[in-house]
């Protein structure tokens, strides 16, 4: 009976760990969009095309954020898996 309690507690910790990682990815994406949008706005004020540069900043921020997300969720796990396979050989 204790085994099921331990596995339930471990499962709960795994869920919390995974959700906090995903929330971190989402926050990084949102921060990237906000930062680049703000920078685009500031540059646009100086140039005279605030709305255009704000939109460009938002698109650049989204691109950078999605690239970072892709690297963290797709590329790194593949590299770690390949590294583990090479160590066992």
N, C-alpha and C. Protein backbone atom coordinates (compact mmCIF):
# COMPACT_ATOMS: atom_id res chain seq x y z
N UNK A 1 0.82 -1.19 0.00
CA UNK A 1 0.00 0.00 0.00
C UNK A 1 0.86 1.25 0.00
N UNK A 2 2.01 1.20 0.62
CA UNK A 2 2.88 2.36 0.63
C UNK A 2 3.48 2.62 -0.74
N UNK A 3 3.67 1.57 -1.53
CA UNK A 3 4.22 1.76 -2.87
C UNK A 3 3.33 2.65 -3.71
N UNK A 4 2.01 2.43 -3.64
CA UNK A 4 1.11 3.26 -4.42
C UNK A 4 1.14 4.70 -3.93
N UNK A 5 1.32 4.90 -2.62
CA UNK A 5 1.43 6.25 -2.09
C UNK A 5 2.70 6.93 -2.56
N UNK A 6 3.81 6.17 -2.59
CA UNK A 6 5.07 6.72 -3.07
C UNK A 6 5.00 7.06 -4.55
N UNK A 7 4.39 6.17 -5.35
CA UNK A 7 4.32 6.45 -6.78
C UNK A 7 3.39 7.64 -7.05
N UNK A 8 2.35 7.78 -6.25
CA UNK A 8 1.45 8.92 -6.41
C UNK A 8 2.19 10.21 -6.07
N UNK A 9 2.99 10.19 -5.00
CA UNK A 9 3.76 11.38 -4.63
C UNK A 9 4.81 11.71 -5.67
N UNK A 10 5.47 10.68 -6.22
CA UNK A 10 6.46 10.90 -7.27
C UNK A 10 5.80 11.44 -8.52
N UNK A 11 4.64 10.89 -8.85
CA UNK A 11 3.91 11.37 -10.02
C UNK A 11 3.51 12.82 -9.84
N UNK A 12 3.10 13.18 -8.64
CA UNK A 12 2.73 14.56 -8.36
C UNK A 12 3.92 15.50 -8.51
N UNK A 13 5.08 15.06 -8.03
CA UNK A 13 6.29 15.88 -8.18
C UNK A 13 6.69 16.01 -9.64
N UNK A 14 6.52 14.93 -10.39
CA UNK A 14 6.85 14.99 -11.82
C UNK A 14 5.93 15.95 -12.55
N UNK A 15 4.66 15.95 -12.19
CA UNK A 15 3.71 16.86 -12.81
C UNK A 15 4.07 18.31 -12.48
N UNK A 16 4.41 18.58 -11.23
CA UNK A 16 4.79 19.93 -10.83
C UNK A 16 6.06 20.35 -11.54
N UNK A 17 7.04 19.46 -11.64
CA UNK A 17 8.31 19.77 -12.31
C UNK A 17 8.07 20.08 -13.79
N UNK A 18 7.28 19.25 -14.44
CA UNK A 18 7.01 19.45 -15.87
C UNK A 18 6.22 20.74 -16.11
N UNK A 19 5.23 21.00 -15.27
CA UNK A 19 4.43 22.21 -15.47
C UNK A 19 5.25 23.46 -15.21
N UNK A 20 6.15 23.41 -14.24
CA UNK A 20 6.98 24.58 -13.99
C UNK A 20 7.97 24.81 -15.14
N UNK A 21 8.47 23.74 -15.75
CA UNK A 21 9.34 23.89 -16.91
C UNK A 21 8.59 24.51 -18.08
N UNK A 22 7.38 24.06 -18.32
CA UNK A 22 6.58 24.60 -19.42
C UNK A 22 6.17 26.05 -19.15
N UNK A 23 5.87 26.36 -17.91
CA UNK A 23 5.56 27.76 -17.57
C UNK A 23 6.78 28.63 -17.78
N UNK A 24 7.95 28.13 -17.48
CA UNK A 24 9.18 28.87 -17.72
C UNK A 24 9.41 29.12 -19.19
N UNK A 25 9.12 28.14 -20.02
CA UNK A 25 9.25 28.33 -21.47
C UNK A 25 8.27 29.40 -21.96
N UNK A 26 7.06 29.35 -21.46
CA UNK A 26 6.06 30.35 -21.85
C UNK A 26 6.44 31.76 -21.40
N UNK A 27 6.98 31.86 -20.19
CA UNK A 27 7.40 33.17 -19.70
C UNK A 27 8.57 33.71 -20.51
N UNK A 28 9.50 32.85 -20.91
CA UNK A 28 10.62 33.28 -21.73
C UNK A 28 10.14 33.78 -23.10
N UNK A 29 9.18 33.08 -23.67
CA UNK A 29 8.62 33.51 -24.95
C UNK A 29 7.92 34.86 -24.81
N UNK A 30 7.10 35.01 -23.78
CA UNK A 30 6.40 36.27 -23.55
C UNK A 30 7.37 37.41 -23.28
N UNK A 31 8.42 37.16 -22.51
CA UNK A 31 9.41 38.19 -22.22
C UNK A 31 10.15 38.61 -23.49
N UNK A 32 10.44 37.65 -24.35
CA UNK A 32 11.13 37.96 -25.60
C UNK A 32 10.26 38.86 -26.49
N UNK A 33 9.00 38.52 -26.62
CA UNK A 33 8.08 39.33 -27.43
C UNK A 33 7.95 40.73 -26.83
N UNK A 34 7.79 40.81 -25.52
CA UNK A 34 7.63 42.11 -24.86
C UNK A 34 8.88 42.96 -24.99
N UNK A 35 10.04 42.37 -24.76
CA UNK A 35 11.29 43.12 -24.83
C UNK A 35 11.55 43.65 -26.24
N UNK A 36 11.42 42.80 -27.24
CA UNK A 36 11.67 43.24 -28.60
C UNK A 36 10.59 44.22 -29.08
N UNK A 37 9.36 44.04 -28.63
CA UNK A 37 8.31 45.01 -28.96
C UNK A 37 8.61 46.36 -28.37
N UNK A 38 9.08 46.38 -27.13
CA UNK A 38 9.44 47.64 -26.47
C UNK A 38 10.63 48.30 -27.17
N UNK A 39 11.64 47.49 -27.51
CA UNK A 39 12.79 48.05 -28.23
C UNK A 39 12.37 48.61 -29.59
N UNK A 40 11.51 47.89 -30.29
CA UNK A 40 11.00 48.39 -31.57
C UNK A 40 10.25 49.69 -31.40
N UNK A 41 9.49 49.80 -30.33
CA UNK A 41 8.76 51.03 -30.05
C UNK A 41 9.71 52.20 -29.82
N UNK A 42 10.75 51.98 -29.04
CA UNK A 42 11.72 53.03 -28.76
C UNK A 42 12.47 53.45 -30.01
N UNK A 43 12.87 52.48 -30.82
CA UNK A 43 13.56 52.81 -32.07
C UNK A 43 12.60 53.54 -33.01
N UNK A 44 11.36 53.09 -33.06
CA UNK A 44 10.35 53.74 -33.90
C UNK A 44 10.08 55.18 -33.51
N UNK A 45 10.14 55.48 -32.22
CA UNK A 45 9.96 56.87 -31.78
C UNK A 45 11.05 57.77 -32.36
N UNK A 46 12.27 57.28 -32.36
CA UNK A 46 13.39 58.08 -32.86
C UNK A 46 13.33 58.24 -34.37
N UNK A 47 12.89 57.20 -35.07
CA UNK A 47 12.86 57.23 -36.53
C UNK A 47 11.59 57.90 -37.04
N UNK A 48 10.51 57.77 -36.31
CA UNK A 48 9.25 58.37 -36.73
C UNK A 48 8.22 57.37 -37.23
N UNK A 49 8.51 56.07 -37.13
CA UNK A 49 7.59 55.02 -37.54
C UNK A 49 7.34 54.08 -36.36
N UNK A 50 6.75 54.62 -35.32
CA UNK A 50 6.61 53.86 -34.08
C UNK A 50 5.82 52.57 -34.25
N UNK A 51 4.66 52.65 -34.90
CA UNK A 51 3.82 51.45 -35.01
C UNK A 51 4.48 50.38 -35.88
N UNK A 52 5.14 50.79 -36.95
CA UNK A 52 5.81 49.83 -37.82
C UNK A 52 6.95 49.12 -37.09
N UNK A 53 7.77 49.88 -36.39
CA UNK A 53 8.89 49.27 -35.68
C UNK A 53 8.43 48.46 -34.48
N UNK A 54 7.33 48.85 -33.87
CA UNK A 54 6.78 48.05 -32.78
C UNK A 54 6.35 46.68 -33.30
N UNK A 55 5.66 46.66 -34.42
CA UNK A 55 5.25 45.39 -35.02
C UNK A 55 6.45 44.56 -35.44
N UNK A 56 7.44 45.20 -36.04
CA UNK A 56 8.66 44.48 -36.42
C UNK A 56 9.34 43.90 -35.19
N UNK A 57 9.40 44.67 -34.11
CA UNK A 57 10.00 44.18 -32.88
C UNK A 57 9.25 42.99 -32.31
N UNK A 58 7.93 43.04 -32.38
CA UNK A 58 7.11 41.93 -31.89
C UNK A 58 7.37 40.67 -32.72
N UNK A 59 7.43 40.82 -34.04
CA UNK A 59 7.70 39.66 -34.90
C UNK A 59 9.10 39.11 -34.67
N UNK A 60 10.08 39.99 -34.52
CA UNK A 60 11.44 39.51 -34.24
C UNK A 60 11.47 38.81 -32.89
N UNK A 61 10.82 39.39 -31.87
CA UNK A 61 10.78 38.77 -30.55
C UNK A 61 10.10 37.42 -30.58
N UNK A 62 9.01 37.30 -31.33
CA UNK A 62 8.33 36.01 -31.45
C UNK A 62 9.22 35.00 -32.14
N UNK A 63 9.93 35.43 -33.17
CA UNK A 63 10.84 34.53 -33.88
C UNK A 63 11.96 34.04 -32.98
N UNK A 64 12.56 34.97 -32.25
CA UNK A 64 13.65 34.60 -31.33
C UNK A 64 13.11 33.68 -30.23
N UNK A 65 11.95 34.00 -29.70
CA UNK A 65 11.35 33.18 -28.65
C UNK A 65 11.01 31.78 -29.13
N UNK A 66 10.44 31.66 -30.33
CA UNK A 66 10.11 30.34 -30.87
C UNK A 66 11.38 29.54 -31.17
N UNK A 67 12.41 30.22 -31.66
CA UNK A 67 13.67 29.52 -31.91
C UNK A 67 14.25 28.98 -30.61
N UNK A 68 14.25 29.80 -29.58
CA UNK A 68 14.74 29.37 -28.28
C UNK A 68 13.93 28.19 -27.75
N UNK A 69 12.62 28.27 -27.89
CA UNK A 69 11.74 27.20 -27.47
C UNK A 69 12.03 25.91 -28.24
N UNK A 70 12.24 26.02 -29.54
CA UNK A 70 12.56 24.87 -30.37
C UNK A 70 13.87 24.22 -29.93
N UNK A 71 14.88 25.05 -29.68
CA UNK A 71 16.17 24.52 -29.26
C UNK A 71 16.03 23.78 -27.93
N UNK A 72 15.30 24.36 -26.99
CA UNK A 72 15.17 23.76 -25.67
C UNK A 72 14.33 22.48 -25.68
N UNK A 73 13.30 22.43 -26.51
CA UNK A 73 12.39 21.29 -26.48
C UNK A 73 12.68 20.21 -27.51
N UNK A 74 13.41 20.55 -28.58
CA UNK A 74 13.65 19.57 -29.63
C UNK A 74 15.15 19.25 -29.78
N UNK A 75 15.96 20.27 -29.93
CA UNK A 75 17.37 20.05 -30.25
C UNK A 75 18.13 19.48 -29.06
N UNK A 76 18.00 20.09 -27.89
CA UNK A 76 18.74 19.62 -26.72
C UNK A 76 18.40 18.18 -26.33
N UNK A 77 17.11 17.80 -26.30
CA UNK A 77 16.83 16.40 -25.98
C UNK A 77 17.45 15.42 -26.98
N UNK A 78 17.47 15.79 -28.27
CA UNK A 78 18.10 14.93 -29.26
C UNK A 78 19.59 14.80 -28.99
N UNK A 79 20.24 15.93 -28.69
CA UNK A 79 21.67 15.90 -28.41
C UNK A 79 21.97 15.07 -27.17
N UNK A 80 21.16 15.22 -26.14
CA UNK A 80 21.36 14.44 -24.91
C UNK A 80 21.16 12.95 -25.19
N UNK A 81 20.16 12.61 -25.99
CA UNK A 81 19.90 11.22 -26.33
C UNK A 81 21.07 10.65 -27.12
N UNK A 82 21.57 11.40 -28.10
CA UNK A 82 22.72 10.95 -28.89
C UNK A 82 23.95 10.79 -28.02
N UNK A 83 24.14 11.72 -27.09
CA UNK A 83 25.28 11.66 -26.19
C UNK A 83 25.21 10.42 -25.29
N UNK A 84 24.02 10.13 -24.78
CA UNK A 84 23.83 8.95 -23.95
C UNK A 84 24.07 7.67 -24.73
N UNK A 85 23.61 7.63 -25.99
CA UNK A 85 23.81 6.45 -26.83
C UNK A 85 25.29 6.25 -27.13
N UNK A 86 26.03 7.33 -27.35
CA UNK A 86 27.46 7.22 -27.63
C UNK A 86 28.24 6.77 -26.40
N UNK A 87 27.79 7.15 -25.22
CA UNK A 87 28.47 6.73 -24.00
C UNK A 87 28.29 5.24 -23.73
N UNK A 88 27.13 4.70 -24.07
CA UNK A 88 26.86 3.29 -23.81
C UNK A 88 27.56 2.39 -24.82
N UNK A 89 27.91 2.92 -25.99
CA UNK A 89 28.58 2.11 -27.02
C UNK A 89 30.01 1.86 -26.71
